């Protein structure tokens, strides 16, 4: 790794773009409508797509195999549960897109995902620097 700052910024940018693509253009109604049912294939598929699209970031910051697998498993578990929790809150409160609280909920959801991406890049940077 010749330019760690550039690699970290590239990895963060990639994960942000990846998140947009997986959460908006690639997310189907089936996924969206079923993320609130724990264990439903819709939520599993959605989180799986996120994990699949995370793999290319390993070309920027390459982890050891065990670390890469750990990142992918961790992202799957966190992404799935963040989305499920948001869906539960929205369903139980009845918040709709016209409600201010709905947008707070969406914002907290997106913030939680972004914090996960910062953690992923920190782990990748740390393991790259150690090797």
N, C-alpha and C. Protein backbone atom coordinates (compact mmCIF):
# COMPACT_ATOMS: atom_id res chain seq x y z
N UNK A 1 0.86 -1.17 0.00
CA UNK A 1 0.00 0.00 0.00
C UNK A 1 0.91 1.23 0.00
N UNK A 2 0.95 1.94 -1.11
CA UNK A 2 1.84 3.09 -1.22
C UNK A 2 1.23 4.37 -0.69
N UNK A 3 -0.07 4.55 -0.85
CA UNK A 3 -0.72 5.77 -0.38
C UNK A 3 -1.89 5.39 0.53
N UNK A 4 -1.64 5.26 1.83
CA UNK A 4 -2.72 4.81 2.72
C UNK A 4 -3.90 5.76 2.78
N UNK A 5 -3.65 7.06 2.71
CA UNK A 5 -4.75 8.02 2.76
C UNK A 5 -5.65 7.86 1.53
N UNK A 6 -5.05 7.74 0.38
CA UNK A 6 -5.81 7.55 -0.86
C UNK A 6 -6.58 6.25 -0.84
N UNK A 7 -5.97 5.19 -0.32
CA UNK A 7 -6.64 3.89 -0.26
C UNK A 7 -7.83 3.94 0.69
N UNK A 8 -7.67 4.58 1.83
CA UNK A 8 -8.77 4.70 2.80
C UNK A 8 -9.92 5.51 2.20
N UNK A 9 -9.59 6.63 1.57
CA UNK A 9 -10.64 7.46 0.96
C UNK A 9 -11.33 6.73 -0.19
N UNK A 10 -10.56 6.00 -1.00
CA UNK A 10 -11.15 5.23 -2.10
C UNK A 10 -12.07 4.14 -1.56
N UNK A 11 -11.65 3.47 -0.50
CA UNK A 11 -12.48 2.42 0.10
C UNK A 11 -13.77 3.00 0.67
N UNK A 12 -13.68 4.12 1.36
CA UNK A 12 -14.88 4.76 1.91
C UNK A 12 -15.82 5.22 0.80
N UNK A 13 -15.27 5.81 -0.25
CA UNK A 13 -16.10 6.24 -1.38
C UNK A 13 -16.78 5.04 -2.03
N UNK A 14 -16.02 3.97 -2.24
CA UNK A 14 -16.59 2.77 -2.84
C UNK A 14 -17.76 2.26 -2.00
N UNK A 15 -17.57 2.16 -0.68
CA UNK A 15 -18.63 1.62 0.18
C UNK A 15 -19.86 2.52 0.21
N UNK A 16 -19.66 3.83 0.09
CA UNK A 16 -20.81 4.76 0.04
C UNK A 16 -21.61 4.56 -1.24
N UNK A 17 -20.91 4.47 -2.36
CA UNK A 17 -21.59 4.25 -3.65
C UNK A 17 -22.26 2.88 -3.66
N UNK A 18 -21.56 1.88 -3.14
CA UNK A 18 -22.11 0.53 -3.04
C UNK A 18 -23.40 0.54 -2.24
N UNK A 19 -23.39 1.25 -1.13
CA UNK A 19 -24.57 1.30 -0.28
C UNK A 19 -25.77 1.90 -1.02
N UNK A 20 -25.53 2.99 -1.72
CA UNK A 20 -26.61 3.61 -2.50
C UNK A 20 -27.16 2.63 -3.52
N UNK A 21 -26.27 1.99 -4.28
CA UNK A 21 -26.71 1.08 -5.34
C UNK A 21 -27.51 -0.09 -4.77
N UNK A 22 -27.03 -0.67 -3.68
CA UNK A 22 -27.71 -1.84 -3.09
C UNK A 22 -29.00 -1.46 -2.37
N UNK A 23 -29.05 -0.28 -1.78
CA UNK A 23 -30.24 0.12 -1.02
C UNK A 23 -31.32 0.76 -1.88
N UNK A 24 -30.97 1.26 -3.04
CA UNK A 24 -31.97 1.94 -3.85
C UNK A 24 -32.18 1.28 -5.20
N UNK A 25 -31.30 1.42 -6.20
CA UNK A 25 -31.60 0.79 -7.49
C UNK A 25 -31.76 -0.73 -7.45
N UNK A 26 -30.97 -1.44 -6.64
CA UNK A 26 -31.04 -2.90 -6.65
C UNK A 26 -32.05 -3.50 -5.67
N UNK A 27 -32.56 -2.70 -4.75
CA UNK A 27 -33.50 -3.25 -3.77
C UNK A 27 -34.88 -3.39 -4.40
N UNK A 28 -35.40 -4.60 -4.37
CA UNK A 28 -36.71 -4.87 -4.95
C UNK A 28 -37.82 -4.64 -3.92
N UNK A 29 -39.05 -4.57 -4.39
CA UNK A 29 -40.20 -4.46 -3.49
C UNK A 29 -40.27 -5.66 -2.56
N UNK A 30 -39.94 -6.82 -3.07
CA UNK A 30 -39.93 -8.05 -2.27
C UNK A 30 -38.99 -7.90 -1.07
N UNK A 31 -37.81 -7.38 -1.32
CA UNK A 31 -36.86 -7.18 -0.23
C UNK A 31 -37.38 -6.11 0.74
N UNK A 32 -37.80 -5.00 0.19
CA UNK A 32 -38.24 -3.87 1.01
C UNK A 32 -39.43 -4.23 1.89
N UNK A 33 -40.39 -4.93 1.34
CA UNK A 33 -41.61 -5.24 2.07
C UNK A 33 -41.45 -6.35 3.10
N UNK A 34 -40.36 -7.09 3.02
CA UNK A 34 -40.20 -8.24 3.91
C UNK A 34 -39.04 -8.15 4.88
N UNK A 35 -38.32 -7.02 4.90
CA UNK A 35 -37.18 -6.86 5.83
C UNK A 35 -37.63 -6.81 7.28
N UNK A 36 -38.89 -6.55 7.52
CA UNK A 36 -39.39 -6.45 8.88
C UNK A 36 -39.82 -7.78 9.48
N UNK A 37 -39.77 -8.86 8.69
CA UNK A 37 -40.08 -10.20 9.19
C UNK A 37 -38.77 -10.92 9.40
N UNK A 38 -38.42 -11.16 10.66
CA UNK A 38 -37.10 -11.72 10.97
C UNK A 38 -36.92 -13.09 10.32
N UNK A 39 -35.84 -13.24 9.58
CA UNK A 39 -35.52 -14.49 8.92
C UNK A 39 -36.13 -14.63 7.54
N UNK A 40 -36.93 -13.66 7.11
CA UNK A 40 -37.56 -13.73 5.79
C UNK A 40 -36.49 -13.64 4.70
N UNK A 41 -36.63 -14.43 3.63
CA UNK A 41 -35.64 -14.39 2.55
C UNK A 41 -35.45 -13.00 1.94
N UNK A 42 -36.47 -12.14 1.96
CA UNK A 42 -36.32 -10.80 1.40
C UNK A 42 -35.20 -10.02 2.07
N UNK A 43 -35.17 -10.04 3.40
CA UNK A 43 -34.13 -9.35 4.14
C UNK A 43 -32.78 -10.03 4.00
N UNK A 44 -32.79 -11.36 3.95
CA UNK A 44 -31.56 -12.13 3.78
C UNK A 44 -30.93 -11.81 2.42
N UNK A 45 -31.76 -11.80 1.39
CA UNK A 45 -31.26 -11.49 0.04
C UNK A 45 -30.69 -10.08 0.01
N UNK A 46 -31.41 -9.13 0.60
CA UNK A 46 -30.94 -7.74 0.60
C UNK A 46 -29.58 -7.62 1.27
N UNK A 47 -29.43 -8.20 2.45
CA UNK A 47 -28.15 -8.13 3.16
C UNK A 47 -27.07 -8.90 2.41
N UNK A 48 -27.44 -10.01 1.79
CA UNK A 48 -26.48 -10.78 0.99
C UNK A 48 -25.95 -9.99 -0.20
N UNK A 49 -26.81 -9.23 -0.83
CA UNK A 49 -26.38 -8.37 -1.95
C UNK A 49 -25.38 -7.34 -1.45
N UNK A 50 -25.64 -6.76 -0.30
CA UNK A 50 -24.70 -5.79 0.28
C UNK A 50 -23.33 -6.44 0.50
N UNK A 51 -23.32 -7.64 1.07
CA UNK A 51 -22.07 -8.34 1.33
C UNK A 51 -21.33 -8.64 0.03
N UNK A 52 -22.06 -9.12 -0.97
CA UNK A 52 -21.45 -9.43 -2.27
C UNK A 52 -20.77 -8.20 -2.86
N UNK A 53 -21.43 -7.05 -2.76
CA UNK A 53 -20.89 -5.83 -3.34
C UNK A 53 -19.80 -5.20 -2.47
N UNK A 54 -19.60 -5.71 -1.27
CA UNK A 54 -18.49 -5.23 -0.43
C UNK A 54 -17.18 -5.86 -0.87
N UNK A 55 -17.23 -7.07 -1.40
CA UNK A 55 -16.01 -7.81 -1.74
C UNK A 55 -15.02 -7.00 -2.60
N UNK A 56 -15.47 -6.25 -3.61
CA UNK A 56 -14.48 -5.49 -4.41
C UNK A 56 -13.64 -4.48 -3.63
N UNK A 57 -14.10 -4.03 -2.45
CA UNK A 57 -13.29 -3.09 -1.67
C UNK A 57 -11.99 -3.76 -1.24
N UNK A 58 -11.97 -5.10 -1.21
CA UNK A 58 -10.76 -5.82 -0.84
C UNK A 58 -9.66 -5.67 -1.89
N UNK A 59 -10.00 -5.16 -3.06
CA UNK A 59 -8.98 -4.86 -4.07
C UNK A 59 -8.23 -3.58 -3.72
N UNK A 60 -8.85 -2.72 -2.93
CA UNK A 60 -8.23 -1.46 -2.52
C UNK A 60 -7.41 -1.66 -1.25
N UNK A 61 -8.00 -2.31 -0.27
CA UNK A 61 -7.33 -2.64 1.00
C UNK A 61 -7.52 -4.14 1.20
N UNK A 62 -6.49 -4.91 0.94
CA UNK A 62 -6.59 -6.36 0.92
C UNK A 62 -6.31 -6.96 2.30
N UNK A 63 -7.34 -7.60 2.88
CA UNK A 63 -7.15 -8.21 4.20
C UNK A 63 -6.71 -9.67 4.07
N UNK A 64 -6.19 -10.23 5.15
CA UNK A 64 -6.01 -11.69 5.18
C UNK A 64 -7.38 -12.35 5.03
N UNK A 65 -7.41 -13.58 4.54
CA UNK A 65 -8.67 -14.27 4.26
C UNK A 65 -9.60 -14.30 5.47
N UNK A 66 -9.09 -14.65 6.63
CA UNK A 66 -9.94 -14.75 7.82
C UNK A 66 -10.55 -13.40 8.18
N UNK A 67 -9.78 -12.33 8.03
CA UNK A 67 -10.29 -10.98 8.33
C UNK A 67 -11.38 -10.61 7.32
N UNK A 68 -11.14 -10.91 6.04
CA UNK A 68 -12.14 -10.62 5.01
C UNK A 68 -13.44 -11.35 5.26
N UNK A 69 -13.35 -12.62 5.60
CA UNK A 69 -14.55 -13.39 5.91
C UNK A 69 -15.26 -12.82 7.14
N UNK A 70 -14.49 -12.45 8.16
CA UNK A 70 -15.07 -11.85 9.36
C UNK A 70 -15.80 -10.55 9.05
N UNK A 71 -15.20 -9.74 8.19
CA UNK A 71 -15.85 -8.48 7.79
C UNK A 71 -17.17 -8.77 7.10
N UNK A 72 -17.17 -9.72 6.18
CA UNK A 72 -18.38 -10.03 5.42
C UNK A 72 -19.48 -10.59 6.32
N UNK A 73 -19.13 -11.48 7.22
CA UNK A 73 -20.11 -12.04 8.15
C UNK A 73 -20.65 -10.94 9.07
N UNK A 74 -19.73 -10.12 9.58
CA UNK A 74 -20.14 -9.02 10.45
C UNK A 74 -21.05 -8.04 9.73
N UNK A 75 -20.70 -7.71 8.49
CA UNK A 75 -21.55 -6.77 7.75
C UNK A 75 -22.93 -7.36 7.51
N UNK A 76 -22.98 -8.64 7.17
CA UNK A 76 -24.28 -9.27 6.94
C UNK A 76 -25.15 -9.17 8.19
N UNK A 77 -24.60 -9.57 9.33
CA UNK A 77 -25.36 -9.57 10.58
C UNK A 77 -25.80 -8.15 10.95
N UNK A 78 -24.87 -7.21 10.87
CA UNK A 78 -25.22 -5.83 11.23
C UNK A 78 -26.22 -5.22 10.26
N UNK A 79 -25.98 -5.38 8.95
CA UNK A 79 -26.89 -4.78 7.97
C UNK A 79 -28.30 -5.35 8.15
N UNK A 80 -28.38 -6.66 8.28
CA UNK A 80 -29.68 -7.30 8.44
C UNK A 80 -30.42 -6.75 9.66
N UNK A 81 -29.73 -6.69 10.79
CA UNK A 81 -30.38 -6.27 12.03
C UNK A 81 -30.67 -4.78 12.08
N UNK A 82 -29.83 -3.96 11.47
CA UNK A 82 -30.13 -2.52 11.38
C UNK A 82 -31.41 -2.32 10.58
N UNK A 83 -31.51 -2.98 9.43
CA UNK A 83 -32.72 -2.84 8.60
C UNK A 83 -33.95 -3.39 9.31
N UNK A 84 -33.82 -4.55 9.95
CA UNK A 84 -34.95 -5.16 10.63
C UNK A 84 -35.44 -4.25 11.76
N UNK A 85 -34.49 -3.70 12.52
CA UNK A 85 -34.85 -2.81 13.63
C UNK A 85 -35.59 -1.58 13.12
N UNK A 86 -35.08 -0.99 12.04
CA UNK A 86 -35.76 0.18 11.47
C UNK A 86 -37.18 -0.18 11.05
N UNK A 87 -37.35 -1.31 10.39
CA UNK A 87 -38.68 -1.73 9.95
C UNK A 87 -39.61 -1.95 11.15
N UNK A 88 -39.08 -2.53 12.22
CA UNK A 88 -39.88 -2.76 13.42
C UNK A 88 -40.35 -1.44 14.04
N UNK A 89 -39.44 -0.50 14.12
CA UNK A 89 -39.78 0.81 14.69
C UNK A 89 -40.84 1.50 13.83
N UNK A 90 -40.65 1.47 12.53
CA UNK A 90 -41.61 2.12 11.63
C UNK A 90 -42.99 1.46 11.74
N UNK A 91 -43.01 0.14 11.78
CA UNK A 91 -44.30 -0.57 11.86
C UNK A 91 -44.99 -0.33 13.20
N UNK A 92 -44.23 -0.33 14.28
CA UNK A 92 -44.84 -0.19 15.61
C UNK A 92 -45.30 1.23 15.91
N UNK A 93 -44.60 2.21 15.33
CA UNK A 93 -45.00 3.60 15.56
C UNK A 93 -46.00 4.10 14.53
N UNK A 94 -46.03 3.43 13.38
CA UNK A 94 -46.92 3.85 12.30
C UNK A 94 -46.41 5.06 11.54
N UNK A 95 -45.13 5.41 11.73
CA UNK A 95 -44.57 6.56 11.03
C UNK A 95 -44.61 6.33 9.53
N UNK A 96 -45.03 7.37 8.81
CA UNK A 96 -45.10 7.37 7.35
C UNK A 96 -44.22 8.48 6.80
N UNK A 97 -44.03 8.49 5.49
CA UNK A 97 -43.12 9.46 4.88
C UNK A 97 -43.52 10.92 5.12
N UNK A 98 -44.75 11.16 5.49
CA UNK A 98 -45.17 12.53 5.81
C UNK A 98 -44.83 12.95 7.23
N UNK A 99 -44.36 12.02 8.03
CA UNK A 99 -44.03 12.31 9.42
C UNK A 99 -42.55 12.65 9.57
N UNK A 100 -42.28 13.64 10.37
CA UNK A 100 -40.89 14.05 10.63
C UNK A 100 -40.07 12.89 11.21
N UNK A 101 -40.69 12.14 12.12
CA UNK A 101 -40.01 11.03 12.78
C UNK A 101 -39.59 9.93 11.80
N UNK A 102 -40.37 9.74 10.75
CA UNK A 102 -40.03 8.76 9.72
C UNK A 102 -38.65 9.08 9.15
N UNK A 103 -38.41 10.35 8.86
CA UNK A 103 -37.14 10.75 8.24
C UNK A 103 -35.99 10.69 9.24
N UNK A 104 -36.30 10.93 10.51
CA UNK A 104 -35.28 10.71 11.55
C UNK A 104 -34.88 9.24 11.56
N UNK A 105 -35.88 8.36 11.47
CA UNK A 105 -35.61 6.92 11.44
C UNK A 105 -34.77 6.51 10.25
N UNK A 106 -35.09 7.05 9.09
CA UNK A 106 -34.28 6.77 7.89
C UNK A 106 -32.86 7.28 8.09
N UNK A 107 -32.73 8.47 8.66
CA UNK A 107 -31.41 9.05 8.89
C UNK A 107 -30.57 8.23 9.86
N UNK A 108 -31.19 7.76 10.94
CA UNK A 108 -30.47 6.93 11.91
C UNK A 108 -30.04 5.62 11.25
N UNK A 109 -30.91 5.03 10.45
CA UNK A 109 -30.59 3.81 9.71
C UNK A 109 -29.36 4.02 8.82
N UNK A 110 -29.37 5.09 8.05
CA UNK A 110 -28.25 5.36 7.16
C UNK A 110 -26.96 5.67 7.93
N UNK A 111 -27.09 6.39 9.04
CA UNK A 111 -25.93 6.68 9.88
C UNK A 111 -25.33 5.38 10.42
N UNK A 112 -26.18 4.47 10.89
CA UNK A 112 -25.68 3.20 11.42
C UNK A 112 -24.92 2.42 10.36
N UNK A 113 -25.44 2.40 9.14
CA UNK A 113 -24.74 1.70 8.05
C UNK A 113 -23.40 2.38 7.77
N UNK A 114 -23.37 3.70 7.77
CA UNK A 114 -22.13 4.42 7.50
C UNK A 114 -21.09 4.20 8.59
N UNK A 115 -21.51 4.11 9.83
CA UNK A 115 -20.57 3.81 10.92
C UNK A 115 -19.97 2.41 10.70
N UNK A 116 -20.78 1.48 10.22
CA UNK A 116 -20.26 0.14 9.90
C UNK A 116 -19.19 0.22 8.81
N UNK A 117 -19.40 1.07 7.81
CA UNK A 117 -18.41 1.19 6.74
C UNK A 117 -17.11 1.82 7.24
N UNK A 118 -17.23 2.76 8.14
CA UNK A 118 -16.02 3.34 8.75
C UNK A 118 -15.27 2.26 9.52
N UNK A 119 -16.00 1.42 10.25
CA UNK A 119 -15.36 0.33 10.99
C UNK A 119 -14.71 -0.67 10.03
N UNK A 120 -15.38 -0.99 8.94
CA UNK A 120 -14.80 -1.91 7.95
C UNK A 120 -13.49 -1.36 7.42
N UNK A 121 -13.48 -0.09 7.04
CA UNK A 121 -12.27 0.51 6.48
C UNK A 121 -11.18 0.59 7.56
N UNK A 122 -11.55 0.88 8.78
CA UNK A 122 -10.55 0.92 9.86
C UNK A 122 -9.91 -0.45 10.05
N UNK A 123 -10.72 -1.50 10.02
CA UNK A 123 -10.18 -2.87 10.15
C UNK A 123 -9.28 -3.18 8.96
N UNK A 124 -9.73 -2.84 7.77
CA UNK A 124 -8.92 -3.11 6.57
C UNK A 124 -7.60 -2.35 6.61
N UNK A 125 -7.66 -1.08 7.00
CA UNK A 125 -6.44 -0.26 7.06
C UNK A 125 -5.48 -0.82 8.12
N UNK A 126 -6.03 -1.18 9.26
CA UNK A 126 -5.20 -1.71 10.35
C UNK A 126 -4.51 -3.01 9.94
N UNK A 127 -5.26 -3.91 9.28
CA UNK A 127 -4.65 -5.18 8.89
C UNK A 127 -3.66 -4.99 7.74
N UNK A 128 -3.94 -4.02 6.86
CA UNK A 128 -3.00 -3.73 5.76
C UNK A 128 -1.72 -3.12 6.31
N UNK A 129 -1.84 -2.24 7.31
CA UNK A 129 -0.67 -1.60 7.89
C UNK A 129 0.18 -2.58 8.67
N UNK A 130 -0.47 -3.63 9.23
CA UNK A 130 0.26 -4.62 10.02
C UNK A 130 1.02 -5.61 9.15
N UNK A 131 0.65 -5.71 7.88
CA UNK A 131 1.33 -6.69 7.03
C UNK A 131 2.44 -6.10 6.20
